[in-house]
Amino acid sequence: MAETTVRRVRHTHRPTESERQNAAAALQRALDRRDNGGSTGH
């Protein structure tokens, strides 16, 4: 009986510089929204 091995290869995606900047900007906007009022209104 032939045994077949199934290998799951995880391809690690290395983000480009623009992707990193977009992610950083999105994170900063989310933090700004949280700090500037948010649901508490402080």
N, C-alpha and C. Protein backbone atom coordinates (compact mmCIF):
# COMPACT_ATOMS: atom_id res chain seq x y z
N MET A 1 0.85 -1.19 0.00
CA MET A 1 0.00 0.00 0.00
C MET A 1 0.89 1.25 0.00
N ALA A 2 0.69 2.08 -0.99
CA ALA A 2 1.54 3.26 -1.12
C ALA A 2 1.04 4.36 -0.19
N GLU A 3 1.96 4.90 0.56
CA GLU A 3 1.59 5.97 1.49
C GLU A 3 1.88 7.32 0.85
N THR A 4 0.88 8.17 0.82
CA THR A 4 1.09 9.49 0.23
C THR A 4 1.16 10.51 1.36
N THR A 5 2.21 11.25 1.35
CA THR A 5 2.35 12.29 2.39
C THR A 5 1.85 13.61 1.84
N VAL A 6 0.98 14.21 2.59
CA VAL A 6 0.45 15.51 2.18
C VAL A 6 1.18 16.57 2.99
N ARG A 7 1.91 17.41 2.29
CA ARG A 7 2.63 18.48 2.97
C ARG A 7 1.94 19.79 2.72
N ARG A 8 1.67 20.49 3.78
CA ARG A 8 1.08 21.81 3.64
C ARG A 8 2.19 22.84 3.74
N VAL A 9 2.42 23.51 2.67
CA VAL A 9 3.49 24.50 2.64
C VAL A 9 2.88 25.87 2.87
N ARG A 10 3.32 26.49 3.92
CA ARG A 10 2.83 27.83 4.20
C ARG A 10 3.75 28.84 3.53
N HIS A 11 3.18 29.56 2.60
CA HIS A 11 3.97 30.57 1.91
C HIS A 11 3.91 31.86 2.72
N THR A 12 5.03 32.26 3.21
CA THR A 12 5.06 33.48 4.00
C THR A 12 5.13 34.67 3.05
N HIS A 13 4.16 35.54 3.20
CA HIS A 13 4.11 36.72 2.34
C HIS A 13 4.84 37.86 3.00
N ARG A 14 5.86 38.35 2.33
CA ARG A 14 6.60 39.49 2.87
C ARG A 14 6.01 40.76 2.30
N PRO A 15 5.45 41.58 3.15
CA PRO A 15 4.79 42.80 2.65
C PRO A 15 5.79 43.78 2.06
N THR A 16 5.34 44.48 1.05
CA THR A 16 6.20 45.49 0.45
C THR A 16 6.20 46.73 1.33
N GLU A 17 7.05 47.68 0.99
CA GLU A 17 7.15 48.88 1.82
C GLU A 17 5.84 49.66 1.81
N SER A 18 5.18 49.74 0.65
CA SER A 18 3.93 50.49 0.59
C SER A 18 2.84 49.78 1.39
N GLU A 19 2.85 48.46 1.37
CA GLU A 19 1.88 47.71 2.17
C GLU A 19 2.11 47.95 3.65
N ARG A 20 3.38 48.01 4.04
CA ARG A 20 3.69 48.27 5.44
C ARG A 20 3.22 49.67 5.84
N GLN A 21 3.41 50.63 4.95
CA GLN A 21 2.99 52.00 5.26
C GLN A 21 1.46 52.08 5.33
N ASN A 22 0.78 51.39 4.43
CA ASN A 22 -0.68 51.39 4.47
C ASN A 22 -1.19 50.76 5.76
N ALA A 23 -0.56 49.68 6.17
CA ALA A 23 -0.98 49.01 7.40
C ALA A 23 -0.71 49.91 8.61
N ALA A 24 0.43 50.58 8.60
CA ALA A 24 0.76 51.46 9.72
C ALA A 24 -0.21 52.64 9.77
N ALA A 25 -0.56 53.17 8.60
CA ALA A 25 -1.49 54.30 8.57
C ALA A 25 -2.88 53.86 9.04
N ALA A 26 -3.31 52.68 8.63
CA ALA A 26 -4.62 52.19 9.06
C ALA A 26 -4.64 51.96 10.56
N LEU A 27 -3.56 51.41 11.08
CA LEU A 27 -3.48 51.19 12.52
C LEU A 27 -3.51 52.51 13.28
N GLN A 28 -2.79 53.50 12.76
CA GLN A 28 -2.75 54.79 13.42
C GLN A 28 -4.13 55.45 13.41
N ARG A 29 -4.84 55.32 12.29
CA ARG A 29 -6.20 55.89 12.22
C ARG A 29 -7.11 55.21 13.22
N ALA A 30 -6.98 53.90 13.36
CA ALA A 30 -7.82 53.17 14.31
C ALA A 30 -7.51 53.63 15.73
N LEU A 31 -6.22 53.81 16.04
CA LEU A 31 -5.85 54.26 17.37
C LEU A 31 -6.33 55.69 17.61
N ASP A 32 -6.24 56.53 16.59
CA ASP A 32 -6.71 57.91 16.74
C ASP A 32 -8.20 57.94 17.00
N ARG A 33 -8.96 57.12 16.28
CA ARG A 33 -10.40 57.08 16.51
C ARG A 33 -10.70 56.63 17.93
N ARG A 34 -9.94 55.65 18.41
CA ARG A 34 -10.18 55.15 19.76
C ARG A 34 -9.84 56.22 20.78
N ASP A 35 -8.76 56.97 20.56
CA ASP A 35 -8.33 57.96 21.53
C ASP A 35 -9.20 59.21 21.48
N ASN A 36 -9.69 59.56 20.30
CA ASN A 36 -10.48 60.78 20.17
C ASN A 36 -11.96 60.50 20.34
N GLY A 37 -12.36 60.26 21.56
CA GLY A 37 -13.78 60.04 21.82
C GLY A 37 -14.12 58.58 21.91
N GLY A 38 -14.38 57.98 20.76
CA GLY A 38 -14.79 56.59 20.76
C GLY A 38 -16.18 56.45 21.33
N SER A 39 -16.46 55.32 21.96
CA SER A 39 -17.80 55.09 22.48
C SER A 39 -18.00 55.79 23.82
N THR A 40 -16.92 56.08 24.53
CA THR A 40 -17.07 56.70 25.86
C THR A 40 -17.29 58.19 25.74
N GLY A 41 -16.75 58.85 24.72
CA GLY A 41 -16.97 60.26 24.53
C GLY A 41 -16.07 61.13 25.37
N HIS A 42 -15.02 60.58 25.91
CA HIS A 42 -14.11 61.39 26.71
C HIS A 42 -13.16 62.13 25.80
